[in-house]
PDB file of N, CA and C in Angstrom:
ATOM      1  N   MET A   1     114.335  97.582 122.297  1.00  0.00           N
ATOM      2  CA  MET A   1     114.636  96.567 121.722  1.00  0.00           C
ATOM      3  C   MET A   1     114.268  96.813 120.192  1.00  0.00           C
ATOM      4  N   LYS A   2     115.073  96.565 119.425  1.00  0.00           N
ATOM      5  CA  LYS A   2     114.835  96.677 117.837  1.00  0.00           C
ATOM      6  C   LYS A   2     115.477  95.598 117.237  1.00  0.00           C
ATOM      7  N   LYS A   3     114.916  94.345 116.819  1.00  0.00           N
ATOM      8  CA  LYS A   3     115.466  93.232 116.206  1.00  0.00           C
ATOM      9  C   LYS A   3     114.747  93.169 114.640  1.00  0.00           C
ATOM     10  N   VAL A   4     115.470  92.541 113.786  1.00  0.00           N
ATOM     11  CA  VAL A   4     115.071  91.956 112.595  1.00  0.00           C
ATOM     12  C   VAL A   4     115.503  90.717 112.446  1.00  0.00           C
ATOM     13  N   PHE A   5     114.358  89.506 112.147  1.00  0.00           N
ATOM     14  CA  PHE A   5     114.534  88.292 111.956  1.00  0.00           C
ATOM     15  C   PHE A   5     114.298  88.112 110.445  1.00  0.00           C
ATOM     16  N   TYR A   6     115.427  87.496 109.797  1.00  0.00           N
ATOM     17  CA  TYR A   6     115.343  87.490 108.237  1.00  0.00           C
ATOM     18  C   TYR A   6     116.148  86.260 107.918  1.00  0.00           C
ATOM     19  N   LEU A   7     116.178  85.934 106.580  1.00  0.00           N
ATOM     20  CA  LEU A   7     116.826  84.888 105.975  1.00  0.00           C
ATOM     21  C   LEU A   7     117.875  85.465 104.913  1.00  0.00           C
ATOM     22  N   ASN A   8     119.118  85.315 105.009  1.00  0.00           N
ATOM     23  CA  ASN A   8     119.994  85.944 104.220  1.00  0.00           C
ATOM     24  C   ASN A   8     119.725  85.566 102.656  1.00  0.00           C
ATOM     25  N   THR A   9     119.515  84.289 102.449  1.00  0.00           N
ATOM     26  CA  THR A   9     119.257  83.680 101.157  1.00  0.00           C
ATOM     27  C   THR A   9     117.892  83.847 100.378  1.00  0.00           C
ATOM     28  N   CYS A  10     117.093  84.758 101.259  1.00  0.00           N
ATOM     29  CA  CYS A  10     115.797  85.066 100.687  1.00  0.00           C
ATOM     30  C   CYS A  10     115.822  86.298  99.906  1.00  0.00           C
ATOM     31  N   ASP A  11     115.616  86.348  98.585  1.00  0.00           N
ATOM     32  CA  ASP A  11     115.646  87.613  98.076  1.00  0.00           C
ATOM     33  C   ASP A  11     114.780  88.791  98.242  1.00  0.00           C
ATOM     34  N   THR A  12     113.517  88.182  98.565  1.00  0.00           N
ATOM     35  CA  THR A  12     112.618  89.210  99.268  1.00  0.00           C
ATOM     36  C   THR A  12     112.857  89.840 100.481  1.00  0.00           C
ATOM     37  N   CYS A  13     113.511  89.162 101.477  1.00  0.00           N
ATOM     38  CA  CYS A  13     114.068  89.701 102.761  1.00  0.00           C
ATOM     39  C   CYS A  13     115.294  90.722 102.447  1.00  0.00           C
ATOM     40  N   ARG A  14     116.147  90.492 101.478  1.00  0.00           N
ATOM     41  CA  ARG A  14     117.100  91.385 101.245  1.00  0.00           C
ATOM     42  C   ARG A  14     116.693  92.554 100.482  1.00  0.00           C
ATOM     43  N   LYS A  15     115.729  92.325  99.676  1.00  0.00           N
ATOM     44  CA  LYS A  15     115.116  93.667  99.007  1.00  0.00           C
ATOM     45  C   LYS A  15     114.305  94.528  99.936  1.00  0.00           C
ATOM     46  N   ILE A  16     113.729  94.060 100.948  1.00  0.00           N
ATOM     47  CA  ILE A  16     112.884  94.747 102.148  1.00  0.00           C
ATOM     48  C   ILE A  16     113.953  95.360 102.969  1.00  0.00           C
ATOM     49  N   LEU A  17     115.116  94.590 103.525  1.00  0.00           N
ATOM     50  CA  LEU A  17     115.915  95.246 104.304  1.00  0.00           C
ATOM     51  C   LEU A  17     116.679  96.467 103.647  1.00  0.00           C
ATOM     52  N   ALA A  18     116.868  96.414 102.139  1.00  0.00           N
ATOM     53  CA  ALA A  18     117.689  97.303 101.568  1.00  0.00           C
ATOM     54  C   ALA A  18     116.926  98.704 101.570  1.00  0.00           C
ATOM     55  N   GLN A  19     115.735  98.620 101.838  1.00  0.00           N
ATOM     56  CA  GLN A  19     114.810 100.002 101.953  1.00  0.00           C
ATOM     57  C   GLN A  19     114.925 100.795 103.115  1.00  0.00           C
ATOM     58  N   PHE A  20     115.475 100.254 104.080  1.00  0.00           N
ATOM     59  CA  PHE A  20     115.343 100.803 105.435  1.00  0.00           C
ATOM     60  C   PHE A  20     116.909 100.871 106.135  1.00  0.00           C
ATOM     61  N   ASP A  21     116.816 102.197 106.720  1.00  0.00           N
ATOM     62  CA  ASP A  21     118.164 102.289 107.621  1.00  0.00           C
ATOM     63  C   ASP A  21     118.089 101.484 108.825  1.00  0.00           C
ATOM     64  N   LEU A  22     118.880 100.429 109.005  1.00  0.00           N
ATOM     65  CA  LEU A  22     118.884  99.450 109.837  1.00  0.00           C
ATOM     66  C   LEU A  22     120.009  99.596 111.059  1.00  0.00           C
ATOM     67  N   LYS A  23     120.822 100.560 110.977  1.00  0.00           N
ATOM     68  CA  LYS A  23     122.084 100.628 111.675  1.00  0.00           C
ATOM     69  C   LYS A  23     121.580 100.252 113.192  1.00  0.00           C
ATOM     70  N   ASP A  24     120.450 100.936 113.676  1.00  0.00           N
ATOM     71  CA  ASP A  24     120.210 100.763 115.149  1.00  0.00           C
ATOM     72  C   ASP A  24     119.323  99.439 115.411  1.00  0.00           C
ATOM     73  N   TRP A  25     119.313  98.604 114.409  1.00  0.00           N
ATOM     74  CA  TRP A  25     118.589  97.371 114.594  1.00  0.00           C
ATOM     75  C   TRP A  25     119.410  96.228 114.933  1.00  0.00           C
ATOM     76  N   GLU A  26     119.191  95.234 115.795  1.00  0.00           N
ATOM     77  CA  GLU A  26     119.850  93.944 115.790  1.00  0.00           C
ATOM     78  C   GLU A  26     119.387  93.022 114.713  1.00  0.00           C
ATOM     79  N   MET A  27     120.405  92.740 113.919  1.00  0.00           N
ATOM     80  CA  MET A  27     119.979  91.799 112.837  1.00  0.00           C
ATOM     81  C   MET A  27     120.362  90.273 113.310  1.00  0.00           C
ATOM     82  N   HIS A  28     119.300  89.396 112.998  1.00  0.00           N
ATOM     83  CA  HIS A  28     119.241  88.199 113.377  1.00  0.00           C
ATOM     84  C   HIS A  28     118.917  87.191 112.173  1.00  0.00           C
ATOM     85  N   GLU A  29     119.974  86.600 111.740  1.00  0.00           N
ATOM     86  CA  GLU A  29     120.027  85.692 110.627  1.00  0.00           C
ATOM     87  C   GLU A  29     119.474  84.236 110.903  1.00  0.00           C
ATOM     88  N   ILE A  30     118.209  83.888 110.779  1.00  0.00           N
ATOM     89  CA  ILE A  30     117.546  82.845 111.188  1.00  0.00           C
ATOM     90  C   ILE A  30     118.097  81.494 110.952  1.00  0.00           C
ATOM     91  N   LYS A  31     118.792  81.370 109.939  1.00  0.00           N
ATOM     92  CA  LYS A  31     119.519  80.055 109.579  1.00  0.00           C
ATOM     93  C   LYS A  31     120.754  79.870 110.459  1.00  0.00           C
ATOM     94  N   LYS A  32     121.697  80.965 110.710  1.00  0.00           N
ATOM     95  CA  LYS A  32     122.718  80.960 111.371  1.00  0.00           C
ATOM     96  C   LYS A  32     122.412  80.863 112.911  1.00  0.00           C
ATOM     97  N   GLN A  33     121.547  81.732 113.317  1.00  0.00           N
ATOM     98  CA  GLN A  33     121.256  81.816 114.789  1.00  0.00           C
ATOM     99  C   GLN A  33     119.741  81.482 114.933  1.00  0.00           C
ATOM    100  N   PRO A  34     119.325  80.158 115.049  1.00  0.00           N
ATOM    101  CA  PRO A  34     118.080  79.745 115.346  1.00  0.00           C
ATOM    102  C   PRO A  34     117.255  80.388 116.231  1.00  0.00           C
ATOM    103  N   LEU A  35     115.999  80.632 116.089  1.00  0.00           N
ATOM    104  CA  LEU A  35     115.151  81.201 116.811  1.00  0.00           C
ATOM    105  C   LEU A  35     115.029  80.492 118.192  1.00  0.00           C
ATOM    106  N   THR A  36     115.264  81.331 119.343  1.00  0.00           N
ATOM    107  CA  THR A  36     114.989  80.828 120.580  1.00  0.00           C
ATOM    108  C   THR A  36     113.580  80.759 121.073  1.00  0.00           C
ATOM    109  N   GLU A  37     113.468  80.011 122.277  1.00  0.00           N
ATOM    110  CA  GLU A  37     112.038  80.033 122.654  1.00  0.00           C
ATOM    111  C   GLU A  37     111.693  81.550 123.380  1.00  0.00           C
ATOM    112  N   GLU A  38     112.581  82.230 123.980  1.00  0.00           N
ATOM    113  CA  GLU A  38     112.564  83.509 124.508  1.00  0.00           C
ATOM    114  C   GLU A  38     112.116  84.441 123.357  1.00  0.00           C
ATOM    115  N   GLU A  39     112.778  84.342 122.286  1.00  0.00           N
ATOM    116  CA  GLU A  39     112.389  85.320 121.123  1.00  0.00           C
ATOM    117  C   GLU A  39     111.100  85.165 120.483  1.00  0.00           C
ATOM    118  N   LEU A  40     110.690  83.805 120.463  1.00  0.00           N
ATOM    119  CA  LEU A  40     109.467  83.351 119.973  1.00  0.00           C
ATOM    120  C   LEU A  40     108.289  83.983 120.861  1.00  0.00           C
ATOM    121  N   LEU A  41     108.492  83.930 122.117  1.00  0.00           N
ATOM    122  CA  LEU A  41     107.589  84.422 123.345  1.00  0.00           C
ATOM    123  C   LEU A  41     107.410  85.855 123.154  1.00  0.00           C
ATOM    124  N   GLU A  42     108.668  86.592 122.719  1.00  0.00           N
ATOM    125  CA  GLU A  42     108.489  88.027 122.653  1.00  0.00           C
ATOM    126  C   GLU A  42     107.557  88.291 121.202  1.00  0.00           C
ATOM    127  N   MET A  43     107.664  87.611 120.255  1.00  0.00           N
ATOM    128  CA  MET A  43     106.878  87.528 118.993  1.00  0.00           C
ATOM    129  C   MET A  43     105.556  87.393 119.338  1.00  0.00           C
ATOM    130  N   TYR A  44     105.389  86.333 120.090  1.00  0.00           N
ATOM    131  CA  TYR A  44     103.940  85.792 120.393  1.00  0.00           C
ATOM    132  C   TYR A  44     103.208  86.924 121.446  1.00  0.00           C
ATOM    133  N   SER A  45     103.983  87.648 122.291  1.00  0.00           N
ATOM    134  CA  SER A  45     103.313  88.473 123.047  1.00  0.00           C
ATOM    135  C   SER A  45     102.642  89.625 122.148  1.00  0.00           C
ATOM    136  N   LEU A  46     103.158  90.009 120.978  1.00  0.00           N
ATOM    137  CA  LEU A  46     102.426  90.975 120.441  1.00  0.00           C
ATOM    138  C   LEU A  46     101.606  90.530 119.341  1.00  0.00           C
ATOM    139  N   THR A  47     101.663  89.251 118.823  1.00  0.00           N
ATOM    140  CA  THR A  47     100.756  88.615 117.790  1.00  0.00           C
ATOM    141  C   THR A  47      99.679  87.811 118.460  1.00  0.00           C
ATOM    142  N   LYS A  48      99.868  87.416 119.668  1.00  0.00           N
ATOM    143  CA  LYS A  48      98.844  86.355 120.282  1.00  0.00           C
ATOM    144  C   LYS A  48      98.439  85.141 119.616  1.00  0.00           C
ATOM    145  N   SER A  49      99.434  84.934 118.559  1.00  0.00           N
ATOM    146  CA  SER A  49      99.207  83.687 117.750  1.00  0.00           C
ATOM    147  C   SER A  49     100.395  83.260 117.184  1.00  0.00           C
ATOM    148  N   TYR A  50     100.816  81.897 117.378  1.00  0.00           N
ATOM    149  CA  TYR A  50     101.888  81.308 116.786  1.00  0.00           C
ATOM    150  C   TYR A  50     101.619  80.937 115.336  1.00  0.00           C
ATOM    151  N   GLU A  51     100.356  80.790 115.041  1.00  0.00           N
ATOM    152  CA  GLU A  51     100.173  80.646 113.603  1.00  0.00           C
ATOM    153  C   GLU A  51     100.204  81.811 112.715  1.00  0.00           C
ATOM    154  N   ALA A  52     100.116  83.156 113.357  1.00  0.00           N
ATOM    155  CA  ALA A  52     100.393  84.429 112.469  1.00  0.00           C
ATOM    156  C   ALA A  52     101.916  84.433 112.122  1.00  0.00           C
ATOM    157  N   LEU A  53     102.647  83.755 112.949  1.00  0.00           N
ATOM    158  CA  LEU A  53     104.200  83.836 112.799  1.00  0.00           C
ATOM    159  C   LEU A  53     104.604  82.635 111.743  1.00  0.00           C
ATOM    160  N   PHE A  54     103.739  81.893 111.370  1.00  0.00           N
ATOM    161  CA  PHE A  54     103.914  80.437 110.816  1.00  0.00           C
ATOM    162  C   PHE A  54     104.013  80.710 109.198  1.00  0.00           C
ATOM    163  N   SER A  55     105.071  80.371 108.559  1.00  0.00           N
ATOM    164  CA  SER A  55     104.982  80.377 107.078  1.00  0.00           C
ATOM    165  C   SER A  55     104.323  79.237 106.330  1.00  0.00           C
ATOM    166  N   LYS A  56     103.048  79.530 105.780  1.00  0.00           N
ATOM    167  CA  LYS A  56     102.389  78.236 105.134  1.00  0.00           C
ATOM    168  C   LYS A  56     103.273  77.993 103.797  1.00  0.00           C
ATOM    169  N   LYS A  57     104.177  78.748 103.373  1.00  0.00           N
ATOM    170  CA  LYS A  57     104.965  78.358 102.136  1.00  0.00           C
ATOM    171  C   LYS A  57     106.254  77.827 102.350  1.00  0.00           C
ATOM    172  N   SER A  58     106.461  77.369 103.678  1.00  0.00           N
ATOM    173  CA  SER A  58     107.744  76.548 103.847  1.00  0.00           C
ATOM    174  C   SER A  58     107.747  75.327 103.139  1.00  0.00           C
ATOM    175  N   THR A  59     108.737  74.941 102.668  1.00  0.00           N
ATOM    176  CA  THR A  59     109.049  73.683 101.846  1.00  0.00           C
ATOM    177  C   THR A  59     109.090  72.443 102.732  1.00  0.00           C
ATOM    178  N   GLN A  60     109.330  72.786 104.091  1.00  0.00           N
ATOM    179  CA  GLN A  60     109.182  71.772 104.957  1.00  0.00           C
ATOM    180  C   GLN A  60     107.760  71.182 105.302  1.00  0.00           C
ATOM    181  N   ILE A  61     106.923  71.764 104.950  1.00  0.00           N
ATOM    182  CA  ILE A  61     105.430  71.411 105.046  1.00  0.00           C
ATOM    183  C   ILE A  61     105.187  70.065 104.089  1.00  0.00           C
ATOM    184  N   LYS A  62     105.682  70.321 102.677  1.00  0.00           N
ATOM    185  CA  LYS A  62     105.386  69.056 102.047  1.00  0.00           C
ATOM    186  C   LYS A  62     106.390  68.002 102.399  1.00  0.00           C
ATOM    187  N   LEU A  63     107.645  68.399 102.645  1.00  0.00           N
ATOM    188  CA  LEU A  63     108.616  67.530 103.093  1.00  0.00           C
ATOM    189  C   LEU A  63     108.306  66.492 104.335  1.00  0.00           C
ATOM    190  N   ARG A  64     107.460  67.199 105.203  1.00  0.00           N
ATOM    191  CA  ARG A  64     107.177  66.392 106.565  1.00  0.00           C
ATOM    192  C   ARG A  64     105.779  65.915 106.269  1.00  0.00           C
ATOM    193  N   GLY A  65     105.099  66.083 105.250  1.00  0.00           N
ATOM    194  CA  GLY A  65     103.645  65.625 105.138  1.00  0.00           C
ATOM    195  C   GLY A  65     102.684  66.398 106.039  1.00  0.00           C
ATOM    196  N   LEU A  66     102.887  67.599 106.488  1.00  0.00           N
ATOM    197  CA  LEU A  66     102.127  68.107 107.334  1.00  0.00           C
ATOM    198  C   LEU A  66     100.839  68.780 106.769  1.00  0.00           C
ATOM    199  N   ASP A  67      99.814  68.412 107.678  1.00  0.00           N
ATOM    200  CA  ASP A  67      98.512  69.104 107.204  1.00  0.00           C
ATOM    201  C   ASP A  67      98.330  70.378 107.936  1.00  0.00           C
ATOM    202  N   VAL A  68      98.361  71.494 107.538  1.00  0.00           N
ATOM    203  CA  VAL A  68      98.334  72.766 108.325  1.00  0.00           C
ATOM    204  C   VAL A  68      97.267  73.054 108.717  1.00  0.00           C
ATOM    205  N   LYS A  69      96.118  72.764 108.219  1.00  0.00           N
ATOM    206  CA  LYS A  69      94.668  72.812 108.752  1.00  0.00           C
ATOM    207  C   LYS A  69      94.313  72.121 110.093  1.00  0.00           C
ATOM    208  N   SER A  70      95.259  71.107 110.367  1.00  0.00           N
ATOM    209  CA  SER A  70      94.918  70.250 111.529  1.00  0.00           C
ATOM    210  C   SER A  70      95.858  70.645 112.715  1.00  0.00           C
ATOM    211  N   LEU A  71      96.872  71.699 112.434  1.00  0.00           N
ATOM    212  CA  LEU A  71      97.934  72.059 113.291  1.00  0.00           C
ATOM    213  C   LEU A  71      97.157  72.897 114.602  1.00  0.00           C
ATOM    214  N   THR A  72      97.691  72.543 115.543  1.00  0.00           N
ATOM    215  CA  THR A  72      97.208  73.544 116.901  1.00  0.00           C
ATOM    216  C   THR A  72      98.322  74.522 117.204  1.00  0.00           C
ATOM    217  N   GLU A  73      97.968  75.506 117.862  1.00  0.00           N
ATOM    218  CA  GLU A  73      98.969  76.569 118.464  1.00  0.00           C
ATOM    219  C   GLU A  73     100.092  75.962 118.984  1.00  0.00           C
ATOM    220  N   ASN A  74      99.975  74.905 119.654  1.00  0.00           N
ATOM    221  CA  ASN A  74     101.237  74.421 120.131  1.00  0.00           C
ATOM    222  C   ASN A  74     102.053  73.683 119.153  1.00  0.00           C
ATOM    223  N   ASP A  75     101.425  73.115 118.157  1.00  0.00           N
ATOM    224  CA  ASP A  75     102.197  72.448 116.969  1.00  0.00           C
ATOM    225  C   ASP A  75     102.782  73.672 116.227  1.00  0.00           C
ATOM    226  N   PHE A  76     102.316  74.621 115.841  1.00  0.00           N
ATOM    227  CA  PHE A  76     102.852  75.859 115.355  1.00  0.00           C
ATOM    228  C   PHE A  76     103.992  76.345 116.168  1.00  0.00           C
ATOM    229  N   LYS A  77     103.911  76.356 117.356  1.00  0.00           N
ATOM    230  CA  LYS A  77     104.967  76.907 118.335  1.00  0.00           C
ATOM    231  C   LYS A  77     106.294  75.917 118.037  1.00  0.00           C
ATOM    232  N   GLU A  78     106.079  74.508 118.297  1.00  0.00           N
ATOM    233  CA  GLU A  78     107.064  73.665 118.123  1.00  0.00           C
ATOM    234  C   GLU A  78     107.808  73.698 116.768  1.00  0.00           C
ATOM    235  N   LEU A  79     106.952  73.718 115.686  1.00  0.00           N
ATOM    236  CA  LEU A  79     107.667  73.724 114.388  1.00  0.00           C
ATOM    237  C   LEU A  79     108.421  75.170 114.149  1.00  0.00           C
ATOM    238  N   LEU A  80     107.940  76.146 114.551  1.00  0.00           N
ATOM    239  CA  LEU A  80     108.602  77.251 114.484  1.00  0.00           C
ATOM    240  C   LEU A  80     110.005  77.231 115.242  1.00  0.00           C
ATOM    241  N   LEU A  81     110.016  76.561 116.440  1.00  0.00           N
ATOM    242  CA  LEU A  81     111.598  76.282 117.083  1.00  0.00           C
ATOM    243  C   LEU A  81     112.056  75.208 116.577  1.00  0.00           C
ATOM    244  N   ASP A  82     111.557  74.244 115.698  1.00  0.00           N
ATOM    245  CA  ASP A  82     112.445  73.365 115.073  1.00  0.00           C
ATOM    246  C   ASP A  82     113.065  73.568 113.759  1.00  0.00           C
ATOM    247  N   HIS A  83     112.542  74.496 113.038  1.00  0.00           N
ATOM    248  CA  HIS A  83     113.254  74.658 111.747  1.00  0.00           C
ATOM    249  C   HIS A  83     113.002  76.077 111.329  1.00  0.00           C
ATOM    250  N   TYR A  84     113.991  76.897 110.789  1.00  0.00           N
ATOM    251  CA  TYR A  84     114.003  78.136 110.480  1.00  0.00           C
ATOM    252  C   TYR A  84     113.024  78.697 109.336  1.00  0.00           C
ATOM    253  N   THR A  85     112.845  77.608 108.528  1.00  0.00           N
ATOM    254  CA  THR A  85     111.898  78.117 107.210  1.00  0.00           C
ATOM    255  C   THR A  85     110.498  78.222 107.656  1.00  0.00           C
ATOM    256  N   PHE A  86     110.073  77.627 108.895  1.00  0.00           N
ATOM    257  CA  PHE A  86     108.733  77.868 109.282  1.00  0.00           C
ATOM    258  C   PHE A  86     108.378  79.292 109.723  1.00  0.00           C
ATOM    259  N   LEU A  87     109.205  80.357 110.131  1.00  0.00           N
ATOM    260  CA  LEU A  87     109.067  81.728 110.559  1.00  0.00           C
ATOM    261  C   LEU A  87     108.815  82.406 109.124  1.00  0.00           C
ATOM    262  N   LYS A  88     107.521  83.077 109.176  1.00  0.00           N
ATOM    263  CA  LYS A  88     107.203  83.978 108.121  1.00  0.00           C
ATOM    264  C   LYS A  88     108.171  85.291 108.222  1.00  0.00           C
ATOM    265  N   ARG A  89     108.808  85.738 107.087  1.00  0.00           N
ATOM    266  CA  ARG A  89     109.686  86.763 107.267  1.00  0.00           C
ATOM    267  C   ARG A  89     109.520  87.697 106.329  1.00  0.00           C
ATOM    268  N   PRO A  90     110.401  88.767 106.351  1.00  0.00           N
ATOM    269  CA  PRO A  90     111.150  89.171 107.806  1.00  0.00           C
ATOM    270  C   PRO A  90     110.234  89.713 108.849  1.00  0.00           C
ATOM    271  N   VAL A  91     110.685  89.469 109.996  1.00  0.00           N
ATOM    272  CA  VAL A  91     109.968  89.857 111.290  1.00  0.00           C
ATOM    273  C   VAL A  91     110.693  91.171 111.815  1.00  0.00           C
ATOM    274  N   PHE A  92     109.918  92.303 111.977  1.00  0.00           N
ATOM    275  CA  PHE A  92     110.764  93.436 112.552  1.00  0.00           C
ATOM    276  C   PHE A  92     110.023  93.673 113.829  1.00  0.00           C
ATOM    277  N   LEU A  93     110.744  93.616 114.951  1.00  0.00           N
ATOM    278  CA  LEU A  93     109.990  93.416 116.307  1.00  0.00           C
ATOM    279  C   LEU A  93     110.797  94.466 117.196  1.00  0.00           C
ATOM    280  N   THR A  94     109.969  95.306 117.854  1.00  0.00           N
ATOM    281  CA  THR A  94     110.440  96.404 119.022  1.00  0.00           C
ATOM    282  C   THR A  94     109.632  96.118 120.120  1.00  0.00           C
ATOM    283  N   ASP A  95     109.832  96.708 121.271  1.00  0.00           N
ATOM    284  CA  ASP A  95     109.261  96.335 122.512  1.00  0.00           C
ATOM    285  C   ASP A  95     107.569  96.140 122.493  1.00  0.00           C
ATOM    286  N   ASP A  96     106.959  97.148 121.592  1.00  0.00           N
ATOM    287  CA  ASP A  96     105.583  97.244 121.544  1.00  0.00           C
ATOM    288  C   ASP A  96     105.045  97.022 120.230  1.00  0.00           C
ATOM    289  N   ARG A  97     105.953  96.751 119.103  1.00  0.00           N
ATOM    290  CA  ARG A  97     105.348  96.492 117.809  1.00  0.00           C
ATOM    291  C   ARG A  97     105.884  95.354 117.093  1.00  0.00           C
ATOM    292  N   ILE A  98     105.130  94.895 116.105  1.00  0.00           N
ATOM    293  CA  ILE A  98     105.750  93.635 115.321  1.00  0.00           C
ATOM    294  C   ILE A  98     105.252  93.904 113.816  1.00  0.00           C
ATOM    295  N   SER A  99     106.041  93.467 112.900  1.00  0.00           N
ATOM    296  CA  SER A  99     105.569  93.421 111.517  1.00  0.00           C
ATOM    297  C   SER A  99     105.986  92.012 111.033  1.00  0.00           C
ATOM    298  N   VAL A 100     105.314  91.099 110.607  1.00  0.00           N
ATOM    299  CA  VAL A 100     105.407  89.891 110.202  1.00  0.00           C
ATOM    300  C   VAL A 100     105.259  89.529 108.802  1.00  0.00           C
ATOM    301  N   GLY A 101     106.162  89.088 107.891  1.00  0.00           N
ATOM    302  CA  GLY A 101     105.960  88.818 106.705  1.00  0.00           C
ATOM    303  C   GLY A 101     106.019  89.946 105.604  1.00  0.00           C
ATOM    304  N   ASN A 102     105.843  89.551 104.296  1.00  0.00           N
ATOM    305  CA  ASN A 102     105.969  90.567 103.395  1.00  0.00           C
ATOM    306  C   ASN A 102     104.782  90.942 102.448  1.00  0.00           C
ATOM    307  N   ASP A 103     103.512  90.573 102.871  1.00  0.00           N
ATOM    308  CA  ASP A 103     102.336  90.622 102.423  1.00  0.00           C
ATOM    309  C   ASP A 103     102.005  92.343 102.315  1.00  0.00           C
ATOM    310  N   LYS A 104     101.232  92.718 101.546  1.00  0.00           N
ATOM    311  CA  LYS A 104     100.997  94.322 101.446  1.00  0.00           C
ATOM    312  C   LYS A 104     100.575  94.908 102.760  1.00  0.00           C
ATOM    313  N   LYS A 105      99.778  94.368 103.453  1.00  0.00           N
ATOM    314  CA  LYS A 105      99.342  94.983 104.769  1.00  0.00           C
ATOM    315  C   LYS A 105     100.424  95.057 105.650  1.00  0.00           C
ATOM    316  N   ASN A 106     101.230  94.066 105.689  1.00  0.00           N
ATOM    317  CA  ASN A 106     102.432  94.182 106.498  1.00  0.00           C
ATOM    318  C   ASN A 106     103.743  95.123 106.023  1.00  0.00           C
ATOM    319  N   MET A 107     103.655  95.301 104.767  1.00  0.00           N
ATOM    320  CA  MET A 107     104.683  96.141 104.207  1.00  0.00           C
ATOM    321  C   MET A 107     104.256  97.723 104.567  1.00  0.00           C
ATOM    322  N   GLU A 108     102.928  98.037 104.493  1.00  0.00           N
ATOM    323  CA  GLU A 108     102.521  99.141 105.043  1.00  0.00           C
ATOM    324  C   GLU A 108     102.613  99.513 106.388  1.00  0.00           C
ATOM    325  N   ALA A 109     102.464  98.479 107.261  1.00  0.00           N
ATOM    326  CA  ALA A 109     102.925  98.504 108.851  1.00  0.00           C
ATOM    327  C   ALA A 109     104.320  98.547 109.065  1.00  0.00           C
ATOM    328  N   LEU A 110     105.112  98.094 108.186  1.00  0.00           N
ATOM    329  CA  LEU A 110     106.487  98.293 108.180  1.00  0.00           C
ATOM    330  C   LEU A 110     106.912  99.728 107.948  1.00  0.00           C
ATOM    331  N   GLN A 111     106.121 100.368 106.837  1.00  0.00           N
ATOM    332  CA  GLN A 111     106.609 101.767 106.579  1.00  0.00           C
ATOM    333  C   GLN A 111     106.250 102.559 107.815  1.00  0.00           C
ATOM    334  N   GLU A 112     105.136 102.312 108.555  1.00  0.00           N
ATOM    335  CA  GLU A 112     104.886 102.949 109.706  1.00  0.00           C
ATOM    336  C   GLU A 112     105.888 102.857 110.761  1.00  0.00           C
ATOM    337  N   PHE A 113     106.530 101.806 110.979  1.00  0.00           N
ATOM    338  CA  PHE A 113     107.620 101.571 111.818  1.00  0.00           C
ATOM    339  C   PHE A 113     108.696 102.563 111.782  1.00  0.00           C
ATOM    340  N   PHE A 114     109.026 102.903 110.525  1.00  0.00           N
ATOM    341  CA  PHE A 114     110.216 103.814 110.273  1.00  0.00           C
ATOM    342  C   PHE A 114     109.680 105.253 110.247  1.00  0.00           C
ATOM    343  N   ARG A 115     108.147 105.487 110.136  1.00  0.00           N
ATOM    344  CA  ARG A 115     107.935 106.788 110.445  1.00  0.00           C
ATOM    345  C   ARG A 115     107.754 107.530 111.721  1.00  0.00           C
ATOM    346  N   VAL A 116     107.310 106.371 112.528  1.00  0.00           N
ATOM    347  CA  VAL A 116     107.059 106.456 114.058  1.00  0.00           C
ATOM    348  C   VAL A 116     108.238 106.588 114.769  1.00  0.00           C
ATOM    349  N   LYS A 117     108.543 107.536 115.564  1.00  0.00           N
ATOM    350  CA  LYS A 117     109.779 107.555 116.374  1.00  0.00           C
ATOM    351  C   LYS A 117     109.411 107.194 117.929  1.00  0.00           C
TER     352      LYS A 117
END
């Protein structure tokens, strides 16, 4: 399995995706194809945390008046399934590896994805 979860309207996602040869990857645009519980569980199996998958920059946080510090793992899970903007992106997922988001550490891990065969 090789999947990329991204948002087509996100400039950062587009910039990152353009750096790699993704012809063998299943592309999953999260606004058009909402995240399923099964897909979220695949991600969780590698991160062991729904919070690690959660974007604390989502505009939905302010719109819904959420206090992120008070959210439980189950709250993060439900929000991730509820609205696409809660997923930190892009997410590169294989059977045994995951890269979530676009911070420096994750970008280095992503480079490793494409070096390791």
